[in-house]
PDB file of N, CA and C in Angstrom:
ATOM      1  N   UNK A   1     -29.091  18.521 -12.352  1.00  0.00           N
ATOM      2  CA  UNK A   1     -27.188  18.446 -13.479  1.00  0.00           C
ATOM      3  C   UNK A   1     -26.811  18.598 -12.419  1.00  0.00           C
ATOM      4  N   UNK A   2     -27.000  19.413 -11.566  1.00  0.00           N
ATOM      5  CA  UNK A   2     -25.720  20.538 -10.503  1.00  0.00           C
ATOM      6  C   UNK A   2     -25.468  19.683  -9.368  1.00  0.00           C
ATOM      7  N   UNK A   3     -26.587  18.708  -9.207  1.00  0.00           N
ATOM      8  CA  UNK A   3     -26.660  18.035  -7.730  1.00  0.00           C
ATOM      9  C   UNK A   3     -25.868  16.474  -8.215  1.00  0.00           C
ATOM     10  N   UNK A   4     -25.684  16.217  -9.497  1.00  0.00           N
ATOM     11  CA  UNK A   4     -25.282  14.972 -10.108  1.00  0.00           C
ATOM     12  C   UNK A   4     -23.286  15.656  -9.991  1.00  0.00           C
ATOM     13  N   UNK A   5     -23.250  17.061 -10.758  1.00  0.00           N
ATOM     14  CA  UNK A   5     -22.181  17.112 -10.597  1.00  0.00           C
ATOM     15  C   UNK A   5     -21.548  17.418  -9.125  1.00  0.00           C
ATOM     16  N   UNK A   6     -22.182  17.605  -8.224  1.00  0.00           N
ATOM     17  CA  UNK A   6     -21.614  17.805  -7.054  1.00  0.00           C
ATOM     18  C   UNK A   6     -21.641  16.726  -6.622  1.00  0.00           C
ATOM     19  N   UNK A   7     -22.298  15.522  -6.715  1.00  0.00           N
ATOM     20  CA  UNK A   7     -22.020  14.097  -6.369  1.00  0.00           C
ATOM     21  C   UNK A   7     -20.678  13.343  -6.747  1.00  0.00           C
ATOM     22  N   UNK A   8     -20.373  14.031  -7.995  1.00  0.00           N
ATOM     23  CA  UNK A   8     -19.082  13.037  -8.891  1.00  0.00           C
ATOM     24  C   UNK A   8     -18.237  13.338  -8.173  1.00  0.00           C
ATOM     25  N   UNK A   9     -18.008  14.705  -8.147  1.00  0.00           N
ATOM     26  CA  UNK A   9     -17.057  15.371  -7.411  1.00  0.00           C
ATOM     27  C   UNK A   9     -16.541  14.910  -5.915  1.00  0.00           C
ATOM     28  N   UNK A  10     -17.597  14.490  -5.566  1.00  0.00           N
ATOM     29  CA  UNK A  10     -16.920  13.884  -3.947  1.00  0.00           C
ATOM     30  C   UNK A  10     -16.466  12.573  -3.798  1.00  0.00           C
ATOM     31  N   UNK A  11     -16.983  11.959  -5.117  1.00  0.00           N
ATOM     32  CA  UNK A  11     -16.352  10.649  -5.338  1.00  0.00           C
ATOM     33  C   UNK A  11     -14.640  10.363  -4.730  1.00  0.00           C
ATOM     34  N   UNK A  12     -14.017  11.596  -5.163  1.00  0.00           N
ATOM     35  CA  UNK A  12     -12.116  11.257  -4.706  1.00  0.00           C
ATOM     36  C   UNK A  12     -12.030  11.520  -3.253  1.00  0.00           C
ATOM     37  N   UNK A  13     -13.309  12.381  -3.028  1.00  0.00           N
ATOM     38  CA  UNK A  13     -13.295  12.451  -1.511  1.00  0.00           C
ATOM     39  C   UNK A  13     -13.414  10.816  -0.926  1.00  0.00           C
ATOM     40  N   UNK A  14     -14.063  10.328  -1.151  1.00  0.00           N
ATOM     41  CA  UNK A  14     -14.582   9.281  -0.667  1.00  0.00           C
ATOM     42  C   UNK A  14     -13.238   8.290  -0.717  1.00  0.00           C
ATOM     43  N   UNK A  15     -12.777   7.772  -1.861  1.00  0.00           N
ATOM     44  CA  UNK A  15     -11.590   7.234  -2.239  1.00  0.00           C
ATOM     45  C   UNK A  15     -10.396   7.717  -1.190  1.00  0.00           C
ATOM     46  N   UNK A  16      -9.984   8.735  -1.189  1.00  0.00           N
ATOM     47  CA  UNK A  16      -9.361   9.064  -0.110  1.00  0.00           C
ATOM     48  C   UNK A  16      -9.624   8.157   0.828  1.00  0.00           C
ATOM     49  N   UNK A  17     -10.880   8.790   1.312  1.00  0.00           N
ATOM     50  CA  UNK A  17     -11.137   8.234   2.870  1.00  0.00           C
ATOM     51  C   UNK A  17     -10.999   6.985   3.279  1.00  0.00           C
ATOM     52  N   UNK A  18     -11.339   6.207   2.082  1.00  0.00           N
ATOM     53  CA  UNK A  18     -11.155   4.577   2.358  1.00  0.00           C
ATOM     54  C   UNK A  18      -9.700   4.072   2.151  1.00  0.00           C
ATOM     55  N   UNK A  19      -9.434   4.875   1.053  1.00  0.00           N
ATOM     56  CA  UNK A  19      -7.932   3.819   1.315  1.00  0.00           C
ATOM     57  C   UNK A  19      -7.320   4.482   2.513  1.00  0.00           C
ATOM     58  N   UNK A  20      -7.423   5.839   2.953  1.00  0.00           N
ATOM     59  CA  UNK A  20      -6.542   5.954   4.368  1.00  0.00           C
ATOM     60  C   UNK A  20      -7.166   5.092   5.687  1.00  0.00           C
ATOM     61  N   UNK A  21      -8.643   4.835   5.633  1.00  0.00           N
ATOM     62  CA  UNK A  21      -9.041   4.001   6.798  1.00  0.00           C
ATOM     63  C   UNK A  21      -8.268   2.491   6.688  1.00  0.00           C
ATOM     64  N   UNK A  22      -8.096   1.927   5.301  1.00  0.00           N
ATOM     65  CA  UNK A  22      -7.724   0.414   5.222  1.00  0.00           C
ATOM     66  C   UNK A  22      -6.459   0.572   5.382  1.00  0.00           C
ATOM     67  N   UNK A  23      -5.386   1.793   4.805  1.00  0.00           N
ATOM     68  CA  UNK A  23      -4.018   1.607   5.838  1.00  0.00           C
ATOM     69  C   UNK A  23      -3.677   1.867   7.378  1.00  0.00           C
ATOM     70  N   UNK A  24      -5.026   2.282   7.653  1.00  0.00           N
ATOM     71  CA  UNK A  24      -5.088   2.372   9.187  1.00  0.00           C
ATOM     72  C   UNK A  24      -5.364   1.360   9.591  1.00  0.00           C
ATOM     73  N   UNK A  25      -5.976   0.874   9.546  1.00  0.00           N
ATOM     74  CA  UNK A  25      -6.428  -0.611   9.761  1.00  0.00           C
ATOM     75  C   UNK A  25      -5.439  -1.526   9.556  1.00  0.00           C
ATOM     76  N   UNK A  26      -4.752  -1.427   8.330  1.00  0.00           N
ATOM     77  CA  UNK A  26      -3.353  -2.699   8.234  1.00  0.00           C
ATOM     78  C   UNK A  26      -2.263  -2.053   8.866  1.00  0.00           C
ATOM     79  N   UNK A  27      -1.831  -0.975   9.226  1.00  0.00           N
ATOM     80  CA  UNK A  27      -0.221  -0.670   9.638  1.00  0.00           C
ATOM     81  C   UNK A  27      -0.772  -0.379  11.324  1.00  0.00           C
ATOM     82  N   UNK A  28      -2.020  -0.475  11.253  1.00  0.00           N
ATOM     83  CA  UNK A  28      -1.832  -0.130  13.560  1.00  0.00           C
ATOM     84  C   UNK A  28      -1.402  -1.666  13.832  1.00  0.00           C
ATOM     85  N   UNK A  29      -1.997  -2.950  13.691  1.00  0.00           N
ATOM     86  CA  UNK A  29      -1.162  -4.094  14.423  1.00  0.00           C
ATOM     87  C   UNK A  29       0.471  -4.109  14.274  1.00  0.00           C
ATOM     88  N   UNK A  30       1.008  -3.343  13.186  1.00  0.00           N
ATOM     89  CA  UNK A  30       2.248  -3.357  12.871  1.00  0.00           C
ATOM     90  C   UNK A  30       3.438  -2.625  13.668  1.00  0.00           C
ATOM     91  N   UNK A  31       2.670  -1.275  13.765  1.00  0.00           N
ATOM     92  CA  UNK A  31       3.353  -0.376  14.721  1.00  0.00           C
ATOM     93  C   UNK A  31       4.088  -0.643  15.835  1.00  0.00           C
ATOM     94  N   UNK A  32       3.381  -1.912  17.170  1.00  0.00           N
ATOM     95  CA  UNK A  32       4.103  -2.410  18.205  1.00  0.00           C
ATOM     96  C   UNK A  32       4.900  -2.959  17.960  1.00  0.00           C
ATOM     97  N   UNK A  33       5.620  -3.438  16.493  1.00  0.00           N
ATOM     98  CA  UNK A  33       6.502  -4.444  16.162  1.00  0.00           C
ATOM     99  C   UNK A  33       7.652  -3.780  15.872  1.00  0.00           C
ATOM    100  N   UNK A  34       7.463  -2.327  15.412  1.00  0.00           N
ATOM    101  CA  UNK A  34       8.618  -1.660  15.368  1.00  0.00           C
ATOM    102  C   UNK A  34       9.537  -1.293  16.270  1.00  0.00           C
ATOM    103  N   UNK A  35       8.685  -1.695  17.172  1.00  0.00           N
ATOM    104  CA  UNK A  35       9.211  -0.609  18.684  1.00  0.00           C
ATOM    105  C   UNK A  35      10.491  -1.705  18.910  1.00  0.00           C
ATOM    106  N   UNK A  36      10.759  -2.980  18.695  1.00  0.00           N
ATOM    107  CA  UNK A  36      11.666  -3.715  19.253  1.00  0.00           C
ATOM    108  C   UNK A  36      12.293  -3.861  18.040  1.00  0.00           C
ATOM    109  N   UNK A  37      14.401  -3.277  18.292  1.00  0.00           N
ATOM    110  CA  UNK A  37      14.897  -3.664  17.287  1.00  0.00           C
ATOM    111  C   UNK A  37      14.735  -4.943  16.235  1.00  0.00           C
ATOM    112  N   UNK A  38      14.870  -6.178  17.111  1.00  0.00           N
ATOM    113  CA  UNK A  38      14.637  -7.271  15.866  1.00  0.00           C
ATOM    114  C   UNK A  38      13.787  -7.431  15.149  1.00  0.00           C
ATOM    115  N   UNK A  39      12.380  -6.940  15.991  1.00  0.00           N
ATOM    116  CA  UNK A  39      11.326  -7.084  14.873  1.00  0.00           C
ATOM    117  C   UNK A  39      11.201  -6.092  14.020  1.00  0.00           C
ATOM    118  N   UNK A  40      11.705  -5.065  14.439  1.00  0.00           N
ATOM    119  CA  UNK A  40      11.533  -4.035  13.138  1.00  0.00           C
ATOM    120  C   UNK A  40      12.631  -4.156  11.737  1.00  0.00           C
ATOM    121  N   UNK A  41      13.992  -4.706  12.084  1.00  0.00           N
ATOM    122  CA  UNK A  41      14.725  -5.443  10.932  1.00  0.00           C
ATOM    123  C   UNK A  41      14.107  -6.180  10.479  1.00  0.00           C
ATOM    124  N   UNK A  42      13.370  -7.022  10.824  1.00  0.00           N
ATOM    125  CA  UNK A  42      12.945  -8.581  10.538  1.00  0.00           C
ATOM    126  C   UNK A  42      11.727  -7.658   9.274  1.00  0.00           C
ATOM    127  N   UNK A  43      10.703  -7.112  10.060  1.00  0.00           N
ATOM    128  CA  UNK A  43       9.730  -6.063   9.410  1.00  0.00           C
ATOM    129  C   UNK A  43      10.075  -5.817   7.816  1.00  0.00           C
ATOM    130  N   UNK A  44      11.401  -4.808   8.216  1.00  0.00           N
ATOM    131  CA  UNK A  44      11.990  -4.030   7.497  1.00  0.00           C
ATOM    132  C   UNK A  44      12.551  -4.808   5.828  1.00  0.00           C
ATOM    133  N   UNK A  45      12.627  -5.755   6.834  1.00  0.00           N
ATOM    134  CA  UNK A  45      13.648  -6.702   5.525  1.00  0.00           C
ATOM    135  C   UNK A  45      12.619  -7.766   4.605  1.00  0.00           C
ATOM    136  N   UNK A  46      11.530  -7.709   5.798  1.00  0.00           N
ATOM    137  CA  UNK A  46      10.106  -8.831   5.117  1.00  0.00           C
ATOM    138  C   UNK A  46       9.550  -7.674   3.673  1.00  0.00           C
ATOM    139  N   UNK A  47       9.431  -6.349   4.154  1.00  0.00           N
ATOM    140  CA  UNK A  47       8.742  -5.176   3.140  1.00  0.00           C
ATOM    141  C   UNK A  47       9.192  -5.148   1.552  1.00  0.00           C
ATOM    142  N   UNK A  48      10.902  -4.926   1.991  1.00  0.00           N
ATOM    143  CA  UNK A  48      11.578  -4.859   1.300  1.00  0.00           C
ATOM    144  C   UNK A  48      11.483  -5.892   0.355  1.00  0.00           C
ATOM    145  N   UNK A  49      11.902  -7.271   0.613  1.00  0.00           N
ATOM    146  CA  UNK A  49      12.178  -8.524  -0.074  1.00  0.00           C
ATOM    147  C   UNK A  49      10.600  -8.467  -1.047  1.00  0.00           C
ATOM    148  N   UNK A  50       9.521  -8.005   0.213  1.00  0.00           N
ATOM    149  CA  UNK A  50       8.071  -8.352  -1.143  1.00  0.00           C
ATOM    150  C   UNK A  50       8.381  -7.257  -2.035  1.00  0.00           C
ATOM    151  N   UNK A  51       8.485  -6.379  -1.923  1.00  0.00           N
ATOM    152  CA  UNK A  51       8.431  -5.246  -3.317  1.00  0.00           C
ATOM    153  C   UNK A  51       9.619  -5.921  -4.562  1.00  0.00           C
ATOM    154  N   UNK A  52      10.682  -6.433  -4.154  1.00  0.00           N
ATOM    155  CA  UNK A  52      11.696  -6.653  -4.951  1.00  0.00           C
ATOM    156  C   UNK A  52      11.108  -7.943  -5.515  1.00  0.00           C
ATOM    157  N   UNK A  53      10.617  -9.028  -4.613  1.00  0.00           N
ATOM    158  CA  UNK A  53      10.072 -10.300  -5.264  1.00  0.00           C
ATOM    159  C   UNK A  53       8.417  -9.640  -6.175  1.00  0.00           C
ATOM    160  N   UNK A  54       7.659  -8.855  -5.758  1.00  0.00           N
ATOM    161  CA  UNK A  54       6.603  -8.389  -6.514  1.00  0.00           C
ATOM    162  C   UNK A  54       7.125  -7.643  -8.034  1.00  0.00           C
ATOM    163  N   UNK A  55       8.162  -7.330  -8.145  1.00  0.00           N
ATOM    164  CA  UNK A  55       8.880  -6.640  -9.390  1.00  0.00           C
ATOM    165  C   UNK A  55       9.097  -7.231 -10.259  1.00  0.00           C
ATOM    166  N   UNK A  56       9.789  -8.397  -9.474  1.00  0.00           N
ATOM    167  CA  UNK A  56      10.546  -9.269 -10.134  1.00  0.00           C
ATOM    168  C   UNK A  56       9.511 -10.386 -10.960  1.00  0.00           C
ATOM    169  N   UNK A  57       8.542 -10.527 -10.667  1.00  0.00           N
ATOM    170  CA  UNK A  57       7.701 -11.091 -11.081  1.00  0.00           C
ATOM    171  C   UNK A  57       6.621 -10.646 -11.937  1.00  0.00           C
ATOM    172  N   UNK A  58       6.863  -9.490 -11.812  1.00  0.00           N
ATOM    173  CA  UNK A  58       5.701  -8.246 -13.073  1.00  0.00           C
ATOM    174  C   UNK A  58       6.351  -8.168 -13.939  1.00  0.00           C
ATOM    175  N   UNK A  59       7.837  -8.247 -14.089  1.00  0.00           N
ATOM    176  CA  UNK A  59       8.837  -7.804 -14.969  1.00  0.00           C
ATOM    177  C   UNK A  59       9.005  -9.256 -15.615  1.00  0.00           C
ATOM    178  N   UNK A  60       8.584 -10.449 -14.914  1.00  0.00           N
ATOM    179  CA  UNK A  60       8.709 -11.502 -15.673  1.00  0.00           C
ATOM    180  C   UNK A  60       7.598 -11.703 -16.694  1.00  0.00           C
ATOM    181  N   UNK A  61       6.347 -11.427 -15.744  1.00  0.00           N
ATOM    182  CA  UNK A  61       4.907 -11.566 -16.561  1.00  0.00           C
ATOM    183  C   UNK A  61       4.863 -10.731 -17.586  1.00  0.00           C
ATOM    184  N   UNK A  62       5.125  -9.549 -17.631  1.00  0.00           N
ATOM    185  CA  UNK A  62       5.415  -8.638 -18.835  1.00  0.00           C
ATOM    186  C   UNK A  62       6.307  -8.551 -19.624  1.00  0.00           C
ATOM    187  N   UNK A  63       7.244  -9.633 -19.861  1.00  0.00           N
ATOM    188  CA  UNK A  63       8.530  -9.567 -20.804  1.00  0.00           C
ATOM    189  C   UNK A  63       9.198  -8.613 -20.553  1.00  0.00           C
ATOM    190  N   UNK A  64       9.458  -7.954 -19.535  1.00  0.00           N
ATOM    191  CA  UNK A  64      10.323  -6.678 -19.468  1.00  0.00           C
ATOM    192  C   UNK A  64      12.132  -7.175 -19.266  1.00  0.00           C
ATOM    193  N   UNK A  65      13.080  -6.254 -20.045  1.00  0.00           N
ATOM    194  CA  UNK A  65      14.188  -6.674 -19.369  1.00  0.00           C
ATOM    195  C   UNK A  65      14.229  -6.215 -18.001  1.00  0.00           C
ATOM    196  N   UNK A  66      15.168  -7.282 -17.397  1.00  0.00           N
ATOM    197  CA  UNK A  66      15.521  -6.940 -15.723  1.00  0.00           C
ATOM    198  C   UNK A  66      16.789  -6.240 -15.277  1.00  0.00           C
ATOM    199  N   UNK A  67      17.578  -6.312 -16.600  1.00  0.00           N
ATOM    200  CA  UNK A  67      18.788  -5.619 -16.455  1.00  0.00           C
ATOM    201  C   UNK A  67      18.458  -3.808 -16.543  1.00  0.00           C
TER     202      UNK A  67
END
């Protein structure tokens, strides 16, 4: 039973490591693009508009008030 609890307590550590690895792999190709001002502005605008779009779609799907 002690081994089971120890293994169970390791899952949050594995989850953090997996999320960190995925973010590292996803962000690594974007970093060189952020060194140029034109592409940096375009990337930031794309990320912000993406978040706005996702939030509007979720609000519409869930029937929440937009205002």
